[in-house]
Amino acid sequence: MTGPVTDHRPERWRKDAAKYLLPGELPPVVATRRHWAVLISPALKALPVLVLGGWLLVLDPGNRLTGTAGLLVVAAALVVLALRVGEWWMRHFIVTNRRVLLTSGIVVRTVALLPLRRITDLTWKETLLGQVLGYGTFRFESAGQQQALSEITYLPQADVLYRRVSQLLFGGDELVDGEDEGGVGPVAPQSPGPDRARRDTQPIPRPPQVT
């Protein structure tokens, strides 16, 4: 006998996603942070500044001016790097059965969303470095309109996420009209009536012969 399905998603992500669910909206199909590789660029930019600050600290230990300057440079670099790490930690990519959401912000929270019923195409791009580290980019197309969620970079396990989102978008179910946020549900097949019966197999009547 099969037991209940256990949700292995981290508690922090589940709580963050639950705050943005609509009444009747199913739990997220995808809820994840961006890949840690997004922090490589800020770390590389902060490294020379940290080296400069450290050099000023050890240049002349008895000189209060250079020591203070070095300390300020190191502190500023660490604060900027900490903000980048905090932004990465708080940003979540969420996909439900109705919407695609991207939450961001440390002090002020921002939620960008895209209804599923407006998505017309999904592109997955993976660079050489992304193949090595395990991240990719999603590009959403929405009826020719420019959206805030047109491109999501540094998504972890992008191949797995691509299959999940593609199944949700273009699987056996069809999009149906509903609320502004959109909805996914099966479309009931319509049985053809007497006036909608197919007649393409009937013979074409011949025109009358002129004598």
N, C-alpha and C. Protein backbone atom coordinates (compact mmCIF):
# COMPACT_ATOMS: atom_id res chain seq x y z
N MET A 1 0.86 -1.20 0.00
CA MET A 1 0.00 0.00 0.00
C MET A 1 0.88 1.24 0.00
N THR A 2 0.58 2.16 -0.91
CA THR A 2 1.43 3.35 -1.06
C THR A 2 1.05 4.38 -0.02
N GLY A 3 2.07 4.95 0.63
CA GLY A 3 1.83 5.95 1.64
C GLY A 3 1.64 7.32 1.02
N PRO A 4 1.42 8.34 1.83
CA PRO A 4 1.24 9.68 1.31
C PRO A 4 2.51 10.21 0.69
N VAL A 5 2.33 11.07 -0.32
CA VAL A 5 3.47 11.65 -1.02
C VAL A 5 4.10 12.73 -0.14
N THR A 6 5.38 12.67 0.03
CA THR A 6 6.10 13.61 0.87
C THR A 6 6.70 14.71 0.02
N ASP A 7 6.49 15.95 0.41
CA ASP A 7 7.06 17.08 -0.30
C ASP A 7 8.45 17.34 0.25
N HIS A 8 9.46 17.11 -0.59
CA HIS A 8 10.85 17.28 -0.14
C HIS A 8 11.36 18.69 -0.39
N ARG A 9 10.52 19.60 -0.82
CA ARG A 9 10.96 20.96 -1.07
C ARG A 9 11.33 21.62 0.26
N PRO A 10 12.45 22.38 0.31
CA PRO A 10 12.82 23.02 1.56
C PRO A 10 11.70 23.88 2.13
N GLU A 11 11.60 23.90 3.44
CA GLU A 11 10.52 24.60 4.12
C GLU A 11 10.50 26.07 3.78
N ARG A 12 11.66 26.70 3.64
CA ARG A 12 11.72 28.14 3.36
C ARG A 12 11.08 28.45 2.02
N TRP A 13 11.34 27.64 1.01
CA TRP A 13 10.77 27.87 -0.31
C TRP A 13 9.26 27.64 -0.29
N ARG A 14 8.81 26.60 0.43
CA ARG A 14 7.39 26.29 0.47
C ARG A 14 6.62 27.43 1.13
N LYS A 15 7.16 27.99 2.20
CA LYS A 15 6.50 29.09 2.87
C LYS A 15 6.49 30.34 1.98
N ASP A 16 7.58 30.59 1.28
CA ASP A 16 7.65 31.77 0.43
C ASP A 16 6.67 31.64 -0.73
N ALA A 17 6.57 30.44 -1.30
CA ALA A 17 5.65 30.24 -2.43
C ALA A 17 4.21 30.31 -1.98
N ALA A 18 3.91 29.81 -0.77
CA ALA A 18 2.53 29.77 -0.29
C ALA A 18 1.94 31.17 -0.11
N LYS A 19 2.79 32.17 0.11
CA LYS A 19 2.29 33.52 0.32
C LYS A 19 1.67 34.11 -0.93
N TYR A 20 2.03 33.58 -2.09
CA TYR A 20 1.58 34.18 -3.35
C TYR A 20 0.57 33.30 -4.09
N LEU A 21 0.13 32.21 -3.48
CA LEU A 21 -0.84 31.34 -4.14
C LEU A 21 -2.23 31.94 -4.08
N LEU A 22 -2.98 31.77 -5.14
CA LEU A 22 -4.36 32.22 -5.19
C LEU A 22 -5.27 31.14 -4.62
N PRO A 23 -6.49 31.51 -4.21
CA PRO A 23 -7.44 30.49 -3.75
C PRO A 23 -7.71 29.47 -4.85
N GLY A 24 -7.55 28.21 -4.52
CA GLY A 24 -7.75 27.16 -5.49
C GLY A 24 -6.55 26.85 -6.35
N GLU A 25 -5.47 27.60 -6.20
CA GLU A 25 -4.26 27.34 -6.99
C GLU A 25 -3.47 26.20 -6.36
N LEU A 26 -3.00 25.29 -7.21
CA LEU A 26 -2.29 24.12 -6.71
C LEU A 26 -0.91 24.49 -6.21
N PRO A 27 -0.28 23.66 -5.36
CA PRO A 27 1.10 23.90 -4.93
C PRO A 27 2.03 24.01 -6.12
N PRO A 28 3.13 24.72 -5.98
CA PRO A 28 4.03 24.96 -7.12
C PRO A 28 4.58 23.68 -7.72
N VAL A 29 4.64 23.66 -9.04
CA VAL A 29 5.34 22.59 -9.75
C VAL A 29 6.84 22.79 -9.63
N VAL A 30 7.27 24.05 -9.66
CA VAL A 30 8.68 24.42 -9.52
C VAL A 30 8.78 25.53 -8.49
N ALA A 31 9.72 25.43 -7.56
CA ALA A 31 10.02 26.50 -6.61
C ALA A 31 11.50 26.39 -6.27
N THR A 32 12.31 27.29 -6.79
CA THR A 32 13.75 27.16 -6.63
C THR A 32 14.43 28.52 -6.67
N ARG A 33 15.58 28.58 -6.07
CA ARG A 33 16.44 29.74 -6.23
C ARG A 33 17.22 29.61 -7.53
N ARG A 34 17.85 30.70 -7.93
CA ARG A 34 18.74 30.61 -9.07
C ARG A 34 20.04 29.91 -8.65
N HIS A 35 20.78 29.43 -9.63
CA HIS A 35 22.01 28.69 -9.38
C HIS A 35 23.04 29.60 -8.70
N TRP A 36 23.89 28.98 -7.86
CA TRP A 36 24.89 29.76 -7.14
C TRP A 36 25.90 30.40 -8.09
N ALA A 37 25.94 29.96 -9.35
CA ALA A 37 26.88 30.55 -10.30
C ALA A 37 26.59 32.02 -10.56
N VAL A 38 25.37 32.47 -10.22
CA VAL A 38 25.05 33.88 -10.39
C VAL A 38 25.93 34.76 -9.51
N LEU A 39 26.54 34.18 -8.47
CA LEU A 39 27.39 34.94 -7.55
C LEU A 39 28.85 34.99 -8.01
N ILE A 40 29.19 34.29 -9.09
CA ILE A 40 30.58 34.28 -9.54
C ILE A 40 31.02 35.68 -9.98
N SER A 41 30.19 36.33 -10.78
CA SER A 41 30.55 37.67 -11.28
C SER A 41 30.70 38.69 -10.15
N PRO A 42 29.75 38.81 -9.19
CA PRO A 42 29.98 39.75 -8.07
C PRO A 42 31.21 39.41 -7.25
N ALA A 43 31.49 38.10 -7.07
CA ALA A 43 32.67 37.73 -6.29
C ALA A 43 33.96 38.13 -7.01
N LEU A 44 34.00 37.95 -8.33
CA LEU A 44 35.19 38.34 -9.10
C LEU A 44 35.39 39.85 -9.10
N LYS A 45 34.29 40.59 -9.11
CA LYS A 45 34.40 42.05 -9.06
C LYS A 45 34.84 42.53 -7.69
N ALA A 46 34.42 41.83 -6.64
CA ALA A 46 34.79 42.25 -5.29
C ALA A 46 36.21 41.84 -4.91
N LEU A 47 36.75 40.82 -5.58
CA LEU A 47 38.07 40.33 -5.21
C LEU A 47 39.17 41.38 -5.33
N PRO A 48 39.29 42.10 -6.46
CA PRO A 48 40.35 43.13 -6.52
C PRO A 48 40.20 44.22 -5.46
N VAL A 49 38.95 44.58 -5.14
CA VAL A 49 38.73 45.60 -4.12
C VAL A 49 39.18 45.09 -2.75
N LEU A 50 38.89 43.82 -2.47
CA LEU A 50 39.34 43.24 -1.21
C LEU A 50 40.86 43.17 -1.14
N VAL A 51 41.49 42.83 -2.26
CA VAL A 51 42.95 42.79 -2.29
C VAL A 51 43.53 44.17 -2.06
N LEU A 52 42.93 45.19 -2.67
CA LEU A 52 43.40 46.56 -2.48
C LEU A 52 43.24 46.99 -1.02
N GLY A 53 42.08 46.67 -0.43
CA GLY A 53 41.88 47.04 0.96
C GLY A 53 42.85 46.32 1.89
N GLY A 54 43.09 45.04 1.63
CA GLY A 54 44.07 44.31 2.44
C GLY A 54 45.48 44.85 2.29
N TRP A 55 45.81 45.26 1.06
CA TRP A 55 47.15 45.82 0.84
C TRP A 55 47.31 47.13 1.61
N LEU A 56 46.26 47.96 1.64
CA LEU A 56 46.33 49.20 2.40
C LEU A 56 46.45 48.93 3.90
N LEU A 57 45.83 47.87 4.37
CA LEU A 57 45.91 47.55 5.79
C LEU A 57 47.31 47.14 6.22
N VAL A 58 47.99 46.39 5.36
CA VAL A 58 49.32 45.88 5.73
C VAL A 58 50.44 46.75 5.20
N LEU A 59 50.10 47.79 4.40
CA LEU A 59 51.14 48.64 3.83
C LEU A 59 51.96 49.32 4.90
N ASP A 60 51.29 49.90 5.85
CA ASP A 60 51.98 50.58 6.95
C ASP A 60 51.10 50.44 8.18
N PRO A 61 51.30 49.38 8.97
CA PRO A 61 50.42 49.14 10.13
C PRO A 61 50.37 50.31 11.09
N GLY A 62 51.44 51.12 11.16
CA GLY A 62 51.44 52.24 12.10
C GLY A 62 50.77 53.47 11.56
N ASN A 63 50.43 53.49 10.28
CA ASN A 63 49.80 54.67 9.67
C ASN A 63 48.28 54.54 9.81
N ARG A 64 47.70 55.45 10.57
CA ARG A 64 46.26 55.37 10.80
C ARG A 64 45.47 55.70 9.54
N LEU A 65 45.99 56.58 8.69
CA LEU A 65 45.26 56.98 7.49
C LEU A 65 45.09 55.80 6.53
N THR A 66 46.20 55.14 6.19
CA THR A 66 46.10 54.01 5.26
C THR A 66 45.34 52.84 5.89
N GLY A 67 45.50 52.67 7.19
CA GLY A 67 44.76 51.60 7.86
C GLY A 67 43.26 51.83 7.82
N THR A 68 42.84 53.08 8.07
CA THR A 68 41.41 53.40 8.02
C THR A 68 40.87 53.26 6.60
N ALA A 69 41.66 53.74 5.62
CA ALA A 69 41.23 53.63 4.23
C ALA A 69 41.09 52.17 3.81
N GLY A 70 42.06 51.36 4.19
CA GLY A 70 41.98 49.94 3.86
C GLY A 70 40.79 49.26 4.51
N LEU A 71 40.51 49.62 5.75
CA LEU A 71 39.36 49.03 6.45
C LEU A 71 38.04 49.43 5.79
N LEU A 72 37.93 50.69 5.37
CA LEU A 72 36.71 51.14 4.70
C LEU A 72 36.52 50.45 3.36
N VAL A 73 37.61 50.27 2.63
CA VAL A 73 37.52 49.60 1.33
C VAL A 73 37.07 48.15 1.49
N VAL A 74 37.66 47.46 2.45
CA VAL A 74 37.28 46.06 2.70
C VAL A 74 35.82 45.96 3.15
N ALA A 75 35.42 46.86 4.05
CA ALA A 75 34.05 46.82 4.56
C ALA A 75 33.04 47.09 3.44
N ALA A 76 33.35 48.07 2.57
CA ALA A 76 32.44 48.39 1.48
C ALA A 76 32.29 47.21 0.51
N ALA A 77 33.42 46.55 0.19
CA ALA A 77 33.36 45.39 -0.70
C ALA A 77 32.56 44.26 -0.09
N LEU A 78 32.74 44.02 1.20
CA LEU A 78 32.00 42.95 1.86
C LEU A 78 30.50 43.25 1.94
N VAL A 79 30.14 44.53 2.15
CA VAL A 79 28.73 44.89 2.22
C VAL A 79 28.05 44.69 0.87
N VAL A 80 28.73 45.13 -0.21
CA VAL A 80 28.15 44.95 -1.55
C VAL A 80 28.01 43.47 -1.89
N LEU A 81 29.02 42.69 -1.54
CA LEU A 81 28.95 41.25 -1.80
C LEU A 81 27.85 40.59 -0.97
N ALA A 82 27.68 41.03 0.26
CA ALA A 82 26.63 40.48 1.11
C ALA A 82 25.24 40.80 0.56
N LEU A 83 25.07 42.00 -0.01
CA LEU A 83 23.80 42.35 -0.62
C LEU A 83 23.50 41.46 -1.82
N ARG A 84 24.52 41.16 -2.62
CA ARG A 84 24.32 40.26 -3.76
C ARG A 84 23.93 38.85 -3.30
N VAL A 85 24.59 38.39 -2.24
CA VAL A 85 24.24 37.06 -1.70
C VAL A 85 22.83 37.07 -1.14
N GLY A 86 22.45 38.13 -0.42
CA GLY A 86 21.10 38.22 0.12
C GLY A 86 20.05 38.28 -0.98
N GLU A 87 20.34 38.99 -2.05
CA GLU A 87 19.40 39.06 -3.17
C GLU A 87 19.23 37.68 -3.81
N TRP A 88 20.34 36.95 -3.97
CA TRP A 88 20.24 35.59 -4.51
C TRP A 88 19.43 34.69 -3.59
N TRP A 89 19.61 34.82 -2.29
CA TRP A 89 18.92 33.97 -1.33
C TRP A 89 17.42 34.23 -1.33
N MET A 90 17.00 35.48 -1.54
CA MET A 90 15.60 35.84 -1.44
C MET A 90 14.86 35.73 -2.77
N ARG A 91 15.57 35.55 -3.88
CA ARG A 91 14.91 35.48 -5.19
C ARG A 91 14.51 34.05 -5.48
N HIS A 92 13.23 33.83 -5.77
CA HIS A 92 12.69 32.50 -6.04
C HIS A 92 11.97 32.49 -7.38
N PHE A 93 12.19 31.44 -8.12
CA PHE A 93 11.48 31.19 -9.37
C PHE A 93 10.41 30.16 -9.09
N ILE A 94 9.14 30.53 -9.29
CA ILE A 94 8.00 29.70 -8.91
C ILE A 94 7.10 29.50 -10.12
N VAL A 95 6.69 28.26 -10.34
CA VAL A 95 5.73 27.94 -11.40
C VAL A 95 4.60 27.13 -10.80
N THR A 96 3.37 27.64 -10.91
CA THR A 96 2.19 26.91 -10.46
C THR A 96 1.41 26.44 -11.68
N ASN A 97 0.23 25.90 -11.43
CA ASN A 97 -0.60 25.46 -12.56
C ASN A 97 -1.29 26.61 -13.25
N ARG A 98 -1.05 27.85 -12.79
CA ARG A 98 -1.67 29.03 -13.40
C ARG A 98 -0.68 30.09 -13.82
N ARG A 99 0.42 30.23 -13.05
CA ARG A 99 1.29 31.39 -13.28
C ARG A 99 2.75 31.03 -13.15
N VAL A 100 3.58 31.92 -13.72
CA VAL A 100 5.02 31.91 -13.50
C VAL A 100 5.34 33.16 -12.68
N LEU A 101 6.05 32.97 -11.56
CA LEU A 101 6.36 34.09 -10.68
C LEU A 101 7.86 34.16 -10.41
N LEU A 102 8.35 35.37 -10.22
CA LEU A 102 9.73 35.60 -9.80
C LEU A 102 9.70 36.61 -8.66
N THR A 103 10.02 36.14 -7.45
CA THR A 103 10.03 37.02 -6.28
C THR A 103 11.46 37.48 -6.02
N SER A 104 11.62 38.72 -5.64
CA SER A 104 12.95 39.28 -5.39
C SER A 104 12.84 40.42 -4.39
N GLY A 105 14.00 40.85 -3.91
CA GLY A 105 14.03 41.97 -2.98
C GLY A 105 14.30 41.53 -1.55
N ILE A 106 15.11 42.32 -0.84
CA ILE A 106 15.44 42.03 0.55
C ILE A 106 14.57 42.87 1.48
N VAL A 107 14.62 44.18 1.33
CA VAL A 107 13.80 45.08 2.16
C VAL A 107 12.42 45.23 1.53
N VAL A 108 12.37 45.52 0.24
CA VAL A 108 11.11 45.67 -0.49
C VAL A 108 10.96 44.46 -1.40
N ARG A 109 9.90 43.68 -1.17
CA ARG A 109 9.66 42.48 -1.96
C ARG A 109 8.93 42.84 -3.25
N THR A 110 9.39 42.28 -4.35
CA THR A 110 8.79 42.50 -5.66
C THR A 110 8.42 41.14 -6.26
N VAL A 111 7.22 41.05 -6.82
CA VAL A 111 6.74 39.82 -7.44
C VAL A 111 6.35 40.13 -8.88
N ALA A 112 7.08 39.55 -9.82
CA ALA A 112 6.71 39.64 -11.23
C ALA A 112 6.04 38.33 -11.63
N LEU A 113 4.95 38.43 -12.38
CA LEU A 113 4.21 37.21 -12.73
C LEU A 113 3.82 37.24 -14.20
N LEU A 114 3.60 36.03 -14.73
CA LEU A 114 3.18 35.84 -16.11
C LEU A 114 2.16 34.71 -16.13
N PRO A 115 0.92 34.97 -16.55
CA PRO A 115 -0.07 33.89 -16.61
C PRO A 115 0.34 32.83 -17.63
N LEU A 116 0.12 31.58 -17.30
CA LEU A 116 0.50 30.49 -18.19
C LEU A 116 -0.25 30.56 -19.51
N ARG A 117 -1.52 31.01 -19.48
CA ARG A 117 -2.31 30.99 -20.70
C ARG A 117 -1.81 31.99 -21.73
N ARG A 118 -0.92 32.91 -21.32
CA ARG A 118 -0.38 33.87 -22.27
C ARG A 118 0.95 33.43 -22.87
N ILE A 119 1.51 32.35 -22.37
CA ILE A 119 2.80 31.89 -22.88
C ILE A 119 2.57 31.12 -24.17
N THR A 120 3.24 31.53 -25.22
CA THR A 120 3.12 30.87 -26.52
C THR A 120 4.32 30.00 -26.85
N ASP A 121 5.46 30.24 -26.23
CA ASP A 121 6.65 29.45 -26.54
C ASP A 121 7.62 29.52 -25.36
N LEU A 122 8.42 28.47 -25.24
CA LEU A 122 9.42 28.38 -24.17
C LEU A 122 10.73 27.90 -24.77
N THR A 123 11.80 28.67 -24.56
CA THR A 123 13.13 28.31 -25.07
C THR A 123 14.07 28.09 -23.91
N TRP A 124 14.83 27.03 -24.01
CA TRP A 124 15.83 26.70 -22.98
C TRP A 124 17.21 26.80 -23.62
N LYS A 125 18.09 27.62 -23.02
CA LYS A 125 19.44 27.83 -23.54
C LYS A 125 20.44 27.46 -22.46
N GLU A 126 21.48 26.72 -22.85
CA GLU A 126 22.49 26.27 -21.90
C GLU A 126 23.87 26.50 -22.53
N THR A 127 24.67 27.38 -21.93
CA THR A 127 26.00 27.65 -22.43
C THR A 127 26.95 26.52 -22.03
N LEU A 128 28.20 26.62 -22.52
CA LEU A 128 29.19 25.60 -22.18
C LEU A 128 29.46 25.59 -20.68
N LEU A 129 29.62 26.77 -20.08
CA LEU A 129 29.82 26.85 -18.64
C LEU A 129 28.58 26.36 -17.89
N GLY A 130 27.40 26.65 -18.44
CA GLY A 130 26.17 26.17 -17.81
C GLY A 130 26.06 24.66 -17.82
N GLN A 131 26.56 24.03 -18.91
CA GLN A 131 26.55 22.57 -18.96
C GLN A 131 27.49 21.97 -17.91
N VAL A 132 28.60 22.65 -17.65
CA VAL A 132 29.56 22.15 -16.67
C VAL A 132 29.04 22.33 -15.24
N LEU A 133 28.49 23.51 -14.95
CA LEU A 133 28.05 23.81 -13.59
C LEU A 133 26.60 23.40 -13.34
N GLY A 134 25.82 23.20 -14.39
CA GLY A 134 24.46 22.73 -14.20
C GLY A 134 23.43 23.84 -14.09
N TYR A 135 23.45 24.83 -14.98
CA TYR A 135 22.42 25.86 -14.99
C TYR A 135 22.11 26.24 -16.43
N GLY A 136 20.96 26.90 -16.61
CA GLY A 136 20.54 27.31 -17.94
C GLY A 136 19.64 28.53 -17.87
N THR A 137 19.15 28.94 -19.04
CA THR A 137 18.32 30.14 -19.16
C THR A 137 17.00 29.77 -19.80
N PHE A 138 15.91 30.31 -19.25
CA PHE A 138 14.58 30.16 -19.83
C PHE A 138 14.19 31.46 -20.52
N ARG A 139 13.64 31.34 -21.71
CA ARG A 139 13.10 32.50 -22.41
C ARG A 139 11.63 32.24 -22.74
N PHE A 140 10.75 33.08 -22.18
CA PHE A 140 9.32 32.94 -22.40
C PHE A 140 8.88 33.94 -23.47
N GLU A 141 8.06 33.47 -24.40
CA GLU A 141 7.43 34.33 -25.39
C GLU A 141 5.94 34.36 -25.11
N SER A 142 5.40 35.59 -25.14
CA SER A 142 4.01 35.76 -24.74
C SER A 142 3.27 36.61 -25.76
N ALA A 143 2.76 35.99 -26.78
CA ALA A 143 1.90 36.63 -27.79
C ALA A 143 2.52 37.92 -28.32
N GLY A 144 3.83 37.92 -28.51
CA GLY A 144 4.52 39.07 -29.08
C GLY A 144 4.68 40.24 -28.15
N GLN A 145 4.33 40.09 -26.88
CA GLN A 145 4.42 41.18 -25.92
C GLN A 145 5.68 41.03 -25.07
N GLN A 146 6.29 42.15 -24.74
CA GLN A 146 7.46 42.14 -23.87
C GLN A 146 7.02 42.02 -22.43
N GLN A 147 7.52 41.01 -21.73
CA GLN A 147 7.11 40.74 -20.36
C GLN A 147 8.29 40.90 -19.42
N ALA A 148 7.97 41.15 -18.13
CA ALA A 148 9.04 41.25 -17.13
C ALA A 148 9.74 39.92 -16.93
N LEU A 149 9.05 38.83 -17.24
CA LEU A 149 9.63 37.50 -17.08
C LEU A 149 10.01 36.90 -18.43
N SER A 150 10.41 37.73 -19.38
CA SER A 150 10.74 37.20 -20.70
C SER A 150 11.97 36.32 -20.66
N GLU A 151 12.88 36.56 -19.70
CA GLU A 151 14.10 35.75 -19.61
C GLU A 151 14.51 35.56 -18.16
N ILE A 152 14.71 34.30 -17.77
CA ILE A 152 15.15 33.96 -16.41
C ILE A 152 16.49 33.24 -16.55
N THR A 153 17.53 33.82 -15.97
CA THR A 153 18.87 33.27 -16.11
C THR A 153 19.27 32.47 -14.87
N TYR A 154 20.30 31.65 -15.04
CA TYR A 154 20.92 30.89 -13.94
C TYR A 154 19.90 30.01 -13.20
N LEU A 155 19.13 29.24 -13.93
CA LEU A 155 18.21 28.30 -13.30
C LEU A 155 18.91 26.96 -13.10
N PRO A 156 18.90 26.41 -11.88
CA PRO A 156 19.58 25.14 -11.64
C PRO A 156 18.81 23.98 -12.25
N GLN A 157 19.55 22.95 -12.69
CA GLN A 157 18.95 21.77 -13.30
C GLN A 157 17.91 22.18 -14.34
N ALA A 158 18.36 23.02 -15.28
CA ALA A 158 17.44 23.60 -16.25
C ALA A 158 16.79 22.54 -17.12
N ASP A 159 17.48 21.43 -17.38
CA ASP A 159 16.88 20.39 -18.21
C ASP A 159 15.67 19.77 -17.52
N VAL A 160 15.78 19.53 -16.20
CA VAL A 160 14.66 18.98 -15.45
C VAL A 160 13.51 19.99 -15.37
N LEU A 161 13.84 21.25 -15.09
CA LEU A 161 12.81 22.28 -15.01
C LEU A 161 12.13 22.46 -16.36
N TYR A 162 12.91 22.35 -17.44
CA TYR A 162 12.34 22.52 -18.78
C TYR A 162 11.29 21.46 -19.07
N ARG A 163 11.58 20.22 -18.68
CA ARG A 163 10.61 19.15 -18.91
C ARG A 163 9.35 19.36 -18.07
N ARG A 164 9.53 19.78 -16.82
CA ARG A 164 8.36 20.00 -15.95
C ARG A 164 7.48 21.13 -16.47
N VAL A 165 8.11 22.26 -16.81
CA VAL A 165 7.33 23.40 -17.28
C VAL A 165 6.72 23.11 -18.64
N SER A 166 7.45 22.42 -19.52
CA SER A 166 6.91 22.09 -20.84
C SER A 166 5.72 21.16 -20.72
N GLN A 167 5.79 20.20 -19.80
CA GLN A 167 4.66 19.31 -19.59
C GLN A 167 3.45 20.09 -19.10
N LEU A 168 3.69 21.09 -18.25
CA LEU A 168 2.60 21.89 -17.73
C LEU A 168 1.99 22.78 -18.82
N LEU A 169 2.86 23.32 -19.70
CA LEU A 169 2.40 24.24 -20.72
C LEU A 169 1.80 23.53 -21.93
N PHE A 170 2.52 22.51 -22.40
CA PHE A 170 2.17 21.92 -23.68
C PHE A 170 1.88 20.42 -23.57
N GLY A 171 1.51 19.96 -22.37
CA GLY A 171 1.21 18.56 -22.20
C GLY A 171 -0.16 18.21 -22.72
N GLY A 172 -0.78 17.19 -22.14
CA GLY A 172 -2.07 16.72 -22.62
C GLY A 172 -3.19 17.69 -22.35
N ASP A 173 -3.04 18.57 -21.32
CA ASP A 173 -4.10 19.51 -21.00
C ASP A 173 -3.97 20.74 -21.87
N GLU A 174 -5.09 21.43 -22.06
CA GLU A 174 -5.12 22.62 -22.87
C GLU A 174 -5.45 23.80 -21.97
N LEU A 175 -5.03 24.98 -22.38
CA LEU A 175 -5.33 26.17 -21.63
C LEU A 175 -6.78 26.57 -21.88
N VAL A 176 -7.44 26.98 -20.83
CA VAL A 176 -8.83 27.41 -20.95
C VAL A 176 -8.94 28.82 -20.44
N ASP A 177 -9.95 29.53 -20.93
CA ASP A 177 -10.17 30.89 -20.47
C ASP A 177 -10.69 30.87 -19.05
N GLY A 178 -10.22 31.78 -18.24
CA GLY A 178 -10.65 31.83 -16.85
C GLY A 178 -10.38 33.19 -16.28
N GLU A 179 -9.75 33.21 -15.11
CA GLU A 179 -9.46 34.46 -14.47
C GLU A 179 -8.33 35.16 -15.20
N ASP A 180 -8.06 36.39 -14.81
CA ASP A 180 -6.98 37.14 -15.43
C ASP A 180 -5.65 36.46 -15.23
N GLU A 181 -5.51 35.72 -14.12
CA GLU A 181 -4.25 35.05 -13.86
C GLU A 181 -4.09 33.81 -14.72
N GLY A 182 -5.15 33.37 -15.38
CA GLY A 182 -5.06 32.20 -16.24
C GLY A 182 -5.34 30.94 -15.47
N GLY A 183 -5.55 29.86 -16.17
CA GLY A 183 -5.80 28.58 -15.55
C GLY A 183 -5.51 27.47 -16.52
N VAL A 184 -5.20 26.31 -16.00
CA VAL A 184 -4.92 25.16 -16.82
C VAL A 184 -5.94 24.09 -16.49
N GLY A 185 -6.54 23.53 -17.47
CA GLY A 185 -7.52 22.49 -17.24
C GLY A 185 -7.86 21.79 -18.52
N PRO A 186 -8.37 20.57 -18.45
CA PRO A 186 -8.70 19.84 -19.67
C PRO A 186 -9.92 20.43 -20.35
N VAL A 187 -9.89 20.46 -21.64
CA VAL A 187 -11.01 20.94 -22.43
C VAL A 187 -11.89 19.75 -22.76
N ALA A 188 -13.18 19.84 -22.42
CA ALA A 188 -14.09 18.73 -22.68
C ALA A 188 -14.32 18.59 -24.17
N PRO A 189 -14.21 17.38 -24.71
CA PRO A 189 -14.44 17.20 -26.14
C PRO A 189 -15.88 17.46 -26.49
N GLN A 190 -16.11 18.06 -27.64
CA GLN A 190 -17.43 18.38 -28.11
C GLN A 190 -17.85 17.35 -29.14
N SER A 191 -19.03 16.77 -28.93
CA SER A 191 -19.53 15.80 -29.88
C SER A 191 -20.21 16.52 -31.02
N PRO A 192 -19.90 16.17 -32.24
CA PRO A 192 -20.49 16.87 -33.37
C PRO A 192 -21.97 16.61 -33.46
N GLY A 193 -22.75 17.67 -33.71
CA GLY A 193 -24.17 17.55 -33.88
C GLY A 193 -24.51 17.16 -35.30
N PRO A 194 -25.81 17.08 -35.60
CA PRO A 194 -26.21 16.69 -36.95
C PRO A 194 -25.72 17.66 -38.01
N ASP A 195 -25.70 18.96 -37.66
CA ASP A 195 -25.26 19.94 -38.65
C ASP A 195 -23.76 20.07 -38.70
N ARG A 196 -23.01 19.35 -37.79
CA ARG A 196 -21.56 19.44 -37.78
C ARG A 196 -20.93 18.13 -38.20
N ALA A 197 -21.75 17.20 -38.68
CA ALA A 197 -21.20 15.91 -39.10
C ALA A 197 -20.31 16.09 -40.30
N ARG A 198 -19.26 15.28 -40.39
CA ARG A 198 -18.33 15.37 -41.51
C ARG A 198 -18.97 14.81 -42.76
N ARG A 199 -18.76 15.51 -43.86
CA ARG A 199 -19.31 15.08 -45.13
C ARG A 199 -18.23 15.03 -46.22
N ASP A 200 -16.98 15.01 -45.77
CA ASP A 200 -15.91 15.03 -46.76
C ASP A 200 -15.75 13.69 -47.45
N THR A 201 -16.44 12.63 -46.96
CA THR A 201 -16.33 11.33 -47.62
C THR A 201 -17.46 11.10 -48.61
N GLN A 202 -18.45 12.01 -48.69
CA GLN A 202 -19.54 11.83 -49.63
C GLN A 202 -19.09 12.22 -51.04
N PRO A 203 -19.62 11.54 -52.06
CA PRO A 203 -19.21 11.86 -53.44
C PRO A 203 -19.64 13.25 -53.83
N ILE A 204 -18.82 13.89 -54.64
CA ILE A 204 -19.13 15.24 -55.14
C ILE A 204 -20.16 15.11 -56.25
N PRO A 205 -21.30 15.79 -56.17
CA PRO A 205 -22.32 15.68 -57.24
C PRO A 205 -21.79 16.22 -58.56
N ARG A 206 -22.09 15.51 -59.61
CA ARG A 206 -21.66 15.95 -60.95
C ARG A 206 -22.57 17.05 -61.47
N PRO A 207 -22.04 18.00 -62.20
CA PRO A 207 -22.90 19.05 -62.78
C PRO A 207 -23.75 18.47 -63.90
N PRO A 208 -24.93 19.02 -64.16
CA PRO A 208 -25.80 18.50 -65.24
C PRO A 208 -25.13 18.66 -66.59
N GLN A 209 -25.27 17.62 -67.44
CA GLN A 209 -24.68 17.62 -68.78
C GLN A 209 -25.52 18.47 -69.71
N VAL A 210 -24.88 19.31 -70.47
CA VAL A 210 -25.57 20.16 -71.44
C VAL A 210 -25.64 19.42 -72.76
N THR A 211 -26.84 19.22 -73.32
CA THR A 211 -27.03 18.50 -74.59
C THR A 211 -27.27 19.47 -75.73
